[in-house]
PDB file of N, CA and C in Angstrom:
ATOM      1  N   MET A   1     -67.097 -20.842  -0.467  1.00  0.00           N
ATOM      2  CA  MET A   1     -65.712 -20.686  -0.785  1.00  0.00           C
ATOM      3  C   MET A   1     -65.595 -19.843  -2.058  1.00  0.00           C
ATOM      4  N   SER A   2     -64.833 -18.777  -2.013  1.00  0.00           N
ATOM      5  CA  SER A   2     -64.683 -17.931  -3.185  1.00  0.00           C
ATOM      6  C   SER A   2     -63.468 -18.372  -3.993  1.00  0.00           C
ATOM      7  N   ARG A   3     -63.582 -18.221  -5.281  1.00  0.00           N
ATOM      8  CA  ARG A   3     -62.507 -18.619  -6.175  1.00  0.00           C
ATOM      9  C   ARG A   3     -61.947 -17.367  -6.826  1.00  0.00           C
ATOM     10  N   GLU A   4     -60.658 -17.169  -6.724  1.00  0.00           N
ATOM     11  CA  GLU A   4     -60.038 -16.015  -7.348  1.00  0.00           C
ATOM     12  C   GLU A   4     -59.897 -16.266  -8.838  1.00  0.00           C
ATOM     13  N   GLU A   5     -60.126 -15.224  -9.617  1.00  0.00           N
ATOM     14  CA  GLU A   5     -60.021 -15.339 -11.061  1.00  0.00           C
ATOM     15  C   GLU A   5     -58.551 -15.328 -11.475  1.00  0.00           C
ATOM     16  N   ASP A   6     -58.187 -16.279 -12.300  1.00  0.00           N
ATOM     17  CA  ASP A   6     -56.824 -16.360 -12.820  1.00  0.00           C
ATOM     18  C   ASP A   6     -56.721 -15.389 -13.997  1.00  0.00           C
ATOM     19  N   PRO A   7     -55.843 -14.373 -13.937  1.00  0.00           N
ATOM     20  CA  PRO A   7     -55.722 -13.400 -15.026  1.00  0.00           C
ATOM     21  C   PRO A   7     -55.394 -14.047 -16.369  1.00  0.00           C
ATOM     22  N   SER A   8     -54.725 -15.190 -16.377  1.00  0.00           N
ATOM     23  CA  SER A   8     -54.388 -15.828 -17.645  1.00  0.00           C
ATOM     24  C   SER A   8     -55.615 -16.438 -18.322  1.00  0.00           C
ATOM     25  N   ASP A   9     -56.743 -16.566 -17.595  1.00  0.00           N
ATOM     26  CA  ASP A   9     -57.973 -17.090 -18.181  1.00  0.00           C
ATOM     27  C   ASP A   9     -58.791 -16.004 -18.878  1.00  0.00           C
ATOM     28  N   ARG A  10     -58.474 -14.753 -18.649  1.00  0.00           N
ATOM     29  CA  ARG A  10     -59.238 -13.661 -19.261  1.00  0.00           C
ATOM     30  C   ARG A  10     -58.898 -13.523 -20.749  1.00  0.00           C
ATOM     31  N   PRO A  11     -59.899 -13.231 -21.578  1.00  0.00           N
ATOM     32  CA  PRO A  11     -59.615 -13.020 -23.005  1.00  0.00           C
ATOM     33  C   PRO A  11     -58.895 -11.681 -23.205  1.00  0.00           C
ATOM     34  N   ASP A  12     -58.178 -11.568 -24.323  1.00  0.00           N
ATOM     35  CA  ASP A  12     -57.534 -10.303 -24.672  1.00  0.00           C
ATOM     36  C   ASP A  12     -58.552  -9.323 -25.241  1.00  0.00           C
ATOM     37  N   VAL A  13     -59.571  -9.849 -25.927  1.00  0.00           N
ATOM     38  CA  VAL A  13     -60.614  -9.017 -26.528  1.00  0.00           C
ATOM     39  C   VAL A  13     -61.966  -9.654 -26.233  1.00  0.00           C
ATOM     40  N   GLU A  14     -62.937  -8.837 -25.839  1.00  0.00           N
ATOM     41  CA  GLU A  14     -64.302  -9.320 -25.629  1.00  0.00           C
ATOM     42  C   GLU A  14     -65.264  -8.288 -26.187  1.00  0.00           C
ATOM     43  N   ILE A  15     -66.181  -8.745 -27.035  1.00  0.00           N
ATOM     44  CA  ILE A  15     -67.202  -7.873 -27.610  1.00  0.00           C
ATOM     45  C   ILE A  15     -68.556  -8.480 -27.284  1.00  0.00           C
ATOM     46  N   SER A  16     -69.419  -7.702 -26.635  1.00  0.00           N
ATOM     47  CA  SER A  16     -70.759  -8.161 -26.275  1.00  0.00           C
ATOM     48  C   SER A  16     -71.780  -7.164 -26.787  1.00  0.00           C
ATOM     49  N   ALA A  17     -72.914  -7.682 -27.233  1.00  0.00           N
ATOM     50  CA  ALA A  17     -73.991  -6.804 -27.709  1.00  0.00           C
ATOM     51  C   ALA A  17     -75.331  -7.452 -27.400  1.00  0.00           C
ATOM     52  N   ARG A  18     -76.318  -6.605 -27.136  1.00  0.00           N
ATOM     53  CA  ARG A  18     -77.705  -7.040 -26.951  1.00  0.00           C
ATOM     54  C   ARG A  18     -78.586  -6.089 -27.748  1.00  0.00           C
ATOM     55  N   ALA A  19     -79.633  -6.636 -28.311  1.00  0.00           N
ATOM     56  CA  ALA A  19     -80.571  -5.809 -29.073  1.00  0.00           C
ATOM     57  C   ALA A  19     -81.981  -6.326 -28.823  1.00  0.00           C
ATOM     58  N   SER A  20     -82.929  -5.418 -28.855  1.00  0.00           N
ATOM     59  CA  SER A  20     -84.332  -5.798 -28.761  1.00  0.00           C
ATOM     60  C   SER A  20     -85.136  -4.846 -29.632  1.00  0.00           C
ATOM     61  N   ALA A  21     -86.275  -5.334 -30.093  1.00  0.00           N
ATOM     62  CA  ALA A  21     -87.138  -4.504 -30.931  1.00  0.00           C
ATOM     63  C   ALA A  21     -88.573  -4.987 -30.791  1.00  0.00           C
ATOM     64  N   ASP A  22     -89.480  -4.040 -30.866  1.00  0.00           N
ATOM     65  CA  ASP A  22     -90.901  -4.402 -30.883  1.00  0.00           C
ATOM     66  C   ASP A  22     -91.250  -5.092 -32.194  1.00  0.00           C
ATOM     67  N   GLU A  23     -90.568  -4.658 -33.267  1.00  0.00           N
ATOM     68  CA  GLU A  23     -90.876  -5.196 -34.589  1.00  0.00           C
ATOM     69  C   GLU A  23     -89.678  -4.984 -35.511  1.00  0.00           C
ATOM     70  N   VAL A  24     -89.362  -6.001 -36.317  1.00  0.00           N
ATOM     71  CA  VAL A  24     -88.278  -5.866 -37.292  1.00  0.00           C
ATOM     72  C   VAL A  24     -88.644  -6.649 -38.551  1.00  0.00           C
ATOM     73  N   THR A  25     -88.321  -6.065 -39.717  1.00  0.00           N
ATOM     74  CA  THR A  25     -88.545  -6.711 -41.006  1.00  0.00           C
ATOM     75  C   THR A  25     -87.243  -6.668 -41.784  1.00  0.00           C
ATOM     76  N   PHE A  26     -86.781  -7.808 -42.249  1.00  0.00           N
ATOM     77  CA  PHE A  26     -85.583  -7.868 -43.086  1.00  0.00           C
ATOM     78  C   PHE A  26     -86.018  -7.795 -44.541  1.00  0.00           C
ATOM     79  N   HIS A  27     -85.426  -6.889 -45.300  1.00  0.00           N
ATOM     80  CA  HIS A  27     -85.765  -6.765 -46.715  1.00  0.00           C
ATOM     81  C   HIS A  27     -84.923  -7.697 -47.575  1.00  0.00           C
ATOM     82  N   ARG A  28     -83.828  -8.176 -47.008  1.00  0.00           N
ATOM     83  CA  ARG A  28     -83.007  -9.201 -47.659  1.00  0.00           C
ATOM     84  C   ARG A  28     -82.355 -10.033 -46.560  1.00  0.00           C
ATOM     85  N   VAL A  29     -81.907 -11.211 -46.908  1.00  0.00           N
ATOM     86  CA  VAL A  29     -81.273 -12.099 -45.939  1.00  0.00           C
ATOM     87  C   VAL A  29     -79.904 -11.508 -45.577  1.00  0.00           C
ATOM     88  N   PRO A  30     -79.655 -11.258 -44.291  1.00  0.00           N
ATOM     89  CA  PRO A  30     -78.369 -10.667 -43.913  1.00  0.00           C
ATOM     90  C   PRO A  30     -77.220 -11.662 -44.060  1.00  0.00           C
ATOM     91  N   ASP A  31     -76.047 -11.128 -44.393  1.00  0.00           N
ATOM     92  CA  ASP A  31     -74.825 -11.936 -44.473  1.00  0.00           C
ATOM     93  C   ASP A  31     -74.082 -11.700 -43.166  1.00  0.00           C
ATOM     94  N   VAL A  32     -74.220 -12.636 -42.241  1.00  0.00           N
ATOM     95  CA  VAL A  32     -73.649 -12.480 -40.902  1.00  0.00           C
ATOM     96  C   VAL A  32     -72.522 -13.482 -40.734  1.00  0.00           C
ATOM     97  N   ARG A  33     -71.343 -12.994 -40.339  1.00  0.00           N
ATOM     98  CA  ARG A  33     -70.223 -13.898 -40.074  1.00  0.00           C
ATOM     99  C   ARG A  33     -69.237 -13.232 -39.129  1.00  0.00           C
ATOM    100  N   THR A  34     -68.520 -14.060 -38.422  1.00  0.00           N
ATOM    101  CA  THR A  34     -67.483 -13.602 -37.503  1.00  0.00           C
ATOM    102  C   THR A  34     -66.212 -14.336 -37.862  1.00  0.00           C
ATOM    103  N   THR A  35     -65.124 -13.599 -38.056  1.00  0.00           N
ATOM    104  CA  THR A  35     -63.846 -14.231 -38.375  1.00  0.00           C
ATOM    105  C   THR A  35     -62.780 -13.710 -37.421  1.00  0.00           C
ATOM    106  N   PHE A  36     -61.827 -14.552 -37.154  1.00  0.00           N
ATOM    107  CA  PHE A  36     -60.705 -14.197 -36.299  1.00  0.00           C
ATOM    108  C   PHE A  36     -59.430 -14.551 -37.050  1.00  0.00           C
ATOM    109  N   GLY A  37     -58.401 -13.737 -36.883  1.00  0.00           N
ATOM    110  CA  GLY A  37     -57.109 -14.041 -37.494  1.00  0.00           C
ATOM    111  C   GLY A  37     -56.126 -14.491 -36.435  1.00  0.00           C
ATOM    112  N   GLY A  38     -54.996 -15.000 -36.885  1.00  0.00           N
ATOM    113  CA  GLY A  38     -53.960 -15.385 -35.945  1.00  0.00           C
ATOM    114  C   GLY A  38     -54.113 -16.792 -35.426  1.00  0.00           C
ATOM    115  N   ASP A  39     -53.284 -17.115 -34.436  1.00  0.00           N
ATOM    116  CA  ASP A  39     -53.244 -18.461 -33.884  1.00  0.00           C
ATOM    117  C   ASP A  39     -53.941 -18.586 -32.541  1.00  0.00           C
ATOM    118  N   GLY A  40     -54.632 -17.557 -32.104  1.00  0.00           N
ATOM    119  CA  GLY A  40     -55.246 -17.568 -30.777  1.00  0.00           C
ATOM    120  C   GLY A  40     -56.486 -18.430 -30.695  1.00  0.00           C
ATOM    121  N   GLU A  41     -57.107 -18.399 -29.523  1.00  0.00           N
ATOM    122  CA  GLU A  41     -58.342 -19.134 -29.264  1.00  0.00           C
ATOM    123  C   GLU A  41     -59.499 -18.140 -29.321  1.00  0.00           C
ATOM    124  N   SER A  42     -60.587 -18.539 -29.964  1.00  0.00           N
ATOM    125  CA  SER A  42     -61.732 -17.645 -30.097  1.00  0.00           C
ATOM    126  C   SER A  42     -63.026 -18.407 -29.884  1.00  0.00           C
ATOM    127  N   THR A  43     -64.024 -17.713 -29.335  1.00  0.00           N
ATOM    128  CA  THR A  43     -65.331 -18.307 -29.090  1.00  0.00           C
ATOM    129  C   THR A  43     -66.406 -17.278 -29.401  1.00  0.00           C
ATOM    130  N   VAL A  44     -67.483 -17.735 -30.012  1.00  0.00           N
ATOM    131  CA  VAL A  44     -68.639 -16.895 -30.286  1.00  0.00           C
ATOM    132  C   VAL A  44     -69.848 -17.594 -29.692  1.00  0.00           C
ATOM    133  N   GLU A  45     -70.687 -16.833 -29.005  1.00  0.00           N
ATOM    134  CA  GLU A  45     -71.927 -17.389 -28.467  1.00  0.00           C
ATOM    135  C   GLU A  45     -73.021 -16.346 -28.607  1.00  0.00           C
ATOM    136  N   GLY A  46     -74.242 -16.796 -28.632  1.00  0.00           N
ATOM    137  CA  GLY A  46     -75.346 -15.860 -28.757  1.00  0.00           C
ATOM    138  C   GLY A  46     -76.674 -16.570 -28.611  1.00  0.00           C
ATOM    139  N   GLY A  47     -77.714 -15.798 -28.687  1.00  0.00           N
ATOM    140  CA  GLY A  47     -79.046 -16.360 -28.585  1.00  0.00           C
ATOM    141  C   GLY A  47     -80.071 -15.396 -29.150  1.00  0.00           C
ATOM    142  N   ARG A  48     -81.227 -15.925 -29.476  1.00  0.00           N
ATOM    143  CA  ARG A  48     -82.308 -15.117 -30.045  1.00  0.00           C
ATOM    144  C   ARG A  48     -83.642 -15.542 -29.456  1.00  0.00           C
ATOM    145  N   GLU A  49     -84.536 -14.578 -29.349  1.00  0.00           N
ATOM    146  CA  GLU A  49     -85.925 -14.852 -28.990  1.00  0.00           C
ATOM    147  C   GLU A  49     -86.809 -14.295 -30.088  1.00  0.00           C
ATOM    148  N   ASN A  50     -87.725 -15.103 -30.570  1.00  0.00           N
ATOM    149  CA  ASN A  50     -88.692 -14.705 -31.599  1.00  0.00           C
ATOM    150  C   ASN A  50     -88.026 -14.264 -32.899  1.00  0.00           C
ATOM    151  N   LEU A  51     -86.831 -14.777 -33.159  1.00  0.00           N
ATOM    152  CA  LEU A  51     -86.114 -14.449 -34.386  1.00  0.00           C
ATOM    153  C   LEU A  51     -85.372 -15.705 -34.837  1.00  0.00           C
ATOM    154  N   PRO A  52     -85.824 -16.323 -35.933  1.00  0.00           N
ATOM    155  CA  PRO A  52     -85.168 -17.549 -36.387  1.00  0.00           C
ATOM    156  C   PRO A  52     -83.779 -17.258 -36.948  1.00  0.00           C
ATOM    157  N   HIS A  53     -82.940 -18.291 -37.015  1.00  0.00           N
ATOM    158  CA  HIS A  53     -81.592 -18.110 -37.562  1.00  0.00           C
ATOM    159  C   HIS A  53     -81.628 -17.925 -39.072  1.00  0.00           C
ATOM    160  N   GLY A  54     -82.577 -18.487 -39.736  1.00  0.00           N
ATOM    161  CA  GLY A  54     -82.741 -18.287 -41.169  1.00  0.00           C
ATOM    162  C   GLY A  54     -83.952 -17.407 -41.420  1.00  0.00           C
ATOM    163  N   VAL A  55     -83.758 -16.108 -41.576  1.00  0.00           N
ATOM    164  CA  VAL A  55     -84.904 -15.209 -41.754  1.00  0.00           C
ATOM    165  C   VAL A  55     -85.300 -15.160 -43.230  1.00  0.00           C
ATOM    166  N   ASP A  56     -86.590 -14.940 -43.472  1.00  0.00           N
ATOM    167  CA  ASP A  56     -87.111 -14.803 -44.831  1.00  0.00           C
ATOM    168  C   ASP A  56     -87.343 -13.326 -45.122  1.00  0.00           C
ATOM    169  N   PRO A  57     -86.884 -12.851 -46.298  1.00  0.00           N
ATOM    170  CA  PRO A  57     -87.116 -11.446 -46.649  1.00  0.00           C
ATOM    171  C   PRO A  57     -88.611 -11.118 -46.641  1.00  0.00           C
ATOM    172  N   GLY A  58     -88.935  -9.953 -46.090  1.00  0.00           N
ATOM    173  CA  GLY A  58     -90.311  -9.491 -46.060  1.00  0.00           C
ATOM    174  C   GLY A  58     -91.117  -9.964 -44.867  1.00  0.00           C
ATOM    175  N   THR A  59     -90.595 -10.882 -44.087  1.00  0.00           N
ATOM    176  CA  THR A  59     -91.313 -11.373 -42.912  1.00  0.00           C
ATOM    177  C   THR A  59     -91.059 -10.441 -41.733  1.00  0.00           C
ATOM    178  N   THR A  60     -92.119 -10.094 -41.041  1.00  0.00           N
ATOM    179  CA  THR A  60     -91.994  -9.232 -39.866  1.00  0.00           C
ATOM    180  C   THR A  60     -91.964 -10.094 -38.616  1.00  0.00           C
ATOM    181  N   HIS A  61     -90.981  -9.828 -37.772  1.00  0.00           N
ATOM    182  CA  HIS A  61     -90.831 -10.542 -36.501  1.00  0.00           C
ATOM    183  C   HIS A  61     -91.118  -9.556 -35.378  1.00  0.00           C
ATOM    184  N   ARG A  62     -91.833 -10.008 -34.366  1.00  0.00           N
ATOM    185  CA  ARG A  62     -92.242  -9.115 -33.281  1.00  0.00           C
ATOM    186  C   ARG A  62     -91.622  -9.534 -31.950  1.00  0.00           C
ATOM    187  N   ARG A  63     -91.405  -8.509 -31.113  1.00  0.00           N
ATOM    188  CA  ARG A  63     -90.848  -8.700 -29.764  1.00  0.00           C
ATOM    189  C   ARG A  63     -89.593  -9.572 -29.785  1.00  0.00           C
ATOM    190  N   ILE A  64     -88.608  -9.116 -30.560  1.00  0.00           N
ATOM    191  CA  ILE A  64     -87.379  -9.893 -30.694  1.00  0.00           C
ATOM    192  C   ILE A  64     -86.319  -9.428 -29.693  1.00  0.00           C
ATOM    193  N   ARG A  65     -85.470 -10.356 -29.356  1.00  0.00           N
ATOM    194  CA  ARG A  65     -84.291 -10.074 -28.530  1.00  0.00           C
ATOM    195  C   ARG A  65     -83.144 -10.896 -29.097  1.00  0.00           C
ATOM    196  N   ALA A  66     -81.980 -10.305 -29.096  1.00  0.00           N
ATOM    197  CA  ALA A  66     -80.796 -11.022 -29.569  1.00  0.00           C
ATOM    198  C   ALA A  66     -79.610 -10.629 -28.705  1.00  0.00           C
ATOM    199  N   ARG A  67     -78.710 -11.587 -28.495  1.00  0.00           N
ATOM    200  CA  ARG A  67     -77.473 -11.290 -27.762  1.00  0.00           C
ATOM    201  C   ARG A  67     -76.332 -11.979 -28.483  1.00  0.00           C
ATOM    202  N   TYR A  68     -75.160 -11.391 -28.355  1.00  0.00           N
ATOM    203  CA  TYR A  68     -73.979 -11.869 -29.056  1.00  0.00           C
ATOM    204  C   TYR A  68     -72.756 -11.590 -28.190  1.00  0.00           C
ATOM    205  N   ARG A  69     -71.843 -12.539 -28.153  1.00  0.00           N
ATOM    206  CA  ARG A  69     -70.599 -12.342 -27.400  1.00  0.00           C
ATOM    207  C   ARG A  69     -69.478 -13.053 -28.141  1.00  0.00           C
ATOM    208  N   ALA A  70     -68.412 -12.337 -28.410  1.00  0.00           N
ATOM    209  CA  ALA A  70     -67.221 -12.904 -29.042  1.00  0.00           C
ATOM    210  C   ALA A  70     -66.036 -12.629 -28.130  1.00  0.00           C
ATOM    211  N   VAL A  71     -65.267 -13.658 -27.835  1.00  0.00           N
ATOM    212  CA  VAL A  71     -64.065 -13.500 -27.016  1.00  0.00           C
ATOM    213  C   VAL A  71     -62.893 -14.116 -27.769  1.00  0.00           C
ATOM    214  N   SER A  72     -61.724 -13.512 -27.595  1.00  0.00           N
ATOM    215  CA  SER A  72     -60.552 -14.013 -28.289  1.00  0.00           C
ATOM    216  C   SER A  72     -59.302 -13.764 -27.471  1.00  0.00           C
ATOM    217  N   ARG A  73     -58.367 -14.673 -27.622  1.00  0.00           N
ATOM    218  CA  ARG A  73     -57.043 -14.541 -27.014  1.00  0.00           C
ATOM    219  C   ARG A  73     -56.068 -14.369 -28.171  1.00  0.00           C
ATOM    220  N   ALA A  74     -55.085 -13.490 -28.000  1.00  0.00           N
ATOM    221  CA  ALA A  74     -54.110 -13.238 -29.054  1.00  0.00           C
ATOM    222  C   ALA A  74     -53.263 -14.470 -29.334  1.00  0.00           C
ATOM    223  N   GLU A  75     -52.959 -15.232 -28.308  1.00  0.00           N
ATOM    224  CA  GLU A  75     -52.163 -16.446 -28.454  1.00  0.00           C
ATOM    225  C   GLU A  75     -52.841 -17.568 -27.688  1.00  0.00           C
ATOM    226  N   PRO A  76     -52.650 -18.816 -28.126  1.00  0.00           N
ATOM    227  CA  PRO A  76     -53.246 -19.936 -27.391  1.00  0.00           C
ATOM    228  C   PRO A  76     -52.748 -19.975 -25.952  1.00  0.00           C
ATOM    229  N   ARG A  77     -53.606 -20.475 -25.076  1.00  0.00           N
ATOM    230  CA  ARG A  77     -53.225 -20.660 -23.678  1.00  0.00           C
ATOM    231  C   ARG A  77     -52.080 -21.654 -23.588  1.00  0.00           C
ATOM    232  N   GLN A  78     -51.163 -21.374 -22.707  1.00  0.00           N
ATOM    233  CA  GLN A  78     -50.049 -22.294 -22.532  1.00  0.00           C
ATOM    234  C   GLN A  78     -49.948 -22.682 -21.072  1.00  0.00           C
ATOM    235  N   GLY A  79     -49.583 -23.928 -20.831  1.00  0.00           N
ATOM    236  CA  GLY A  79     -49.398 -24.407 -19.469  1.00  0.00           C
ATOM    237  C   GLY A  79     -48.071 -23.903 -18.925  1.00  0.00           C
ATOM    238  N   PRO A  80     -47.663 -24.412 -17.781  1.00  0.00           N
ATOM    239  CA  PRO A  80     -46.392 -24.002 -17.208  1.00  0.00           C
ATOM    240  C   PRO A  80     -45.240 -24.350 -18.146  1.00  0.00           C
ATOM    241  N   PRO A  81     -44.154 -23.583 -18.128  1.00  0.00           N
ATOM    242  CA  PRO A  81     -43.041 -23.872 -19.025  1.00  0.00           C
ATOM    243  C   PRO A  81     -42.492 -25.279 -18.793  1.00  0.00           C
ATOM    244  N   GLU A  82     -42.198 -25.940 -19.889  1.00  0.00           N
ATOM    245  CA  GLU A  82     -41.646 -27.287 -19.785  1.00  0.00           C
ATOM    246  C   GLU A  82     -40.152 -27.187 -19.539  1.00  0.00           C
ATOM    247  N   ARG A  83     -39.656 -28.093 -18.748  1.00  0.00           N
ATOM    248  CA  ARG A  83     -38.219 -28.144 -18.472  1.00  0.00           C
ATOM    249  C   ARG A  83     -37.601 -29.227 -19.326  1.00  0.00           C
ATOM    250  N   GLU A  84     -36.410 -28.960 -19.787  1.00  0.00           N
ATOM    251  CA  GLU A  84     -35.678 -29.977 -20.518  1.00  0.00           C
ATOM    252  C   GLU A  84     -34.930 -30.824 -19.492  1.00  0.00           C
ATOM    253  N   HIS A  85     -35.129 -32.096 -19.538  1.00  0.00           N
ATOM    254  CA  HIS A  85     -34.499 -33.006 -18.587  1.00  0.00           C
ATOM    255  C   HIS A  85     -33.148 -33.451 -19.132  1.00  0.00           C
ATOM    256  N   GLY A  86     -32.153 -33.549 -18.234  1.00  0.00           N
ATOM    257  CA  GLY A  86     -30.849 -34.053 -18.632  1.00  0.00           C
ATOM    258  C   GLY A  86     -29.930 -32.994 -19.216  1.00  0.00           C
ATOM    259  N   THR A  87     -30.338 -31.724 -19.181  1.00  0.00           N
ATOM    260  CA  THR A  87     -29.467 -30.672 -19.686  1.00  0.00           C
ATOM    261  C   THR A  87     -29.142 -29.704 -18.572  1.00  0.00           C
ATOM    262  N   ARG A  88     -28.019 -29.038 -18.683  1.00  0.00           N
ATOM    263  CA  ARG A  88     -27.614 -28.041 -17.691  1.00  0.00           C
ATOM    264  C   ARG A  88     -27.580 -26.685 -18.356  1.00  0.00           C
ATOM    265  N   PRO A  89     -28.029 -25.641 -17.685  1.00  0.00           N
ATOM    266  CA  PRO A  89     -27.985 -24.310 -18.282  1.00  0.00           C
ATOM    267  C   PRO A  89     -26.539 -23.871 -18.482  1.00  0.00           C
ATOM    268  N   ASP A  90     -26.314 -23.082 -19.529  1.00  0.00           N
ATOM    269  CA  ASP A  90     -24.976 -22.515 -19.775  1.00  0.00           C
ATOM    270  C   ASP A  90     -24.668 -21.498 -18.712  1.00  0.00           C
ATOM    271  N   ARG A  91     -23.421 -21.477 -18.252  1.00  0.00           N
ATOM    272  CA  ARG A  91     -23.015 -20.498 -17.213  1.00  0.00           C
ATOM    273  C   ARG A  91     -22.003 -19.559 -17.732  1.00  0.00           C
TER     274      ARG A  91
END
């Protein structure tokens, strides 16, 4: 059974990156951060192979792979519009 994708579930912005290297040496500890503004919903995910999250300056890491994905919606997801009960629309 196939499921159709709901367009309202798609993020407004998506950034994905992958990197690999035979060898990498950090000369200083990198300052890595992701920030989002506004009231929307945001998610960051990623992974690393052969590269610890806390790297030491001067240490050489071999055969590394890294991936990163950030998704964001400009506004929070909203359900169906709520109806006011007991009121009549103006005519």
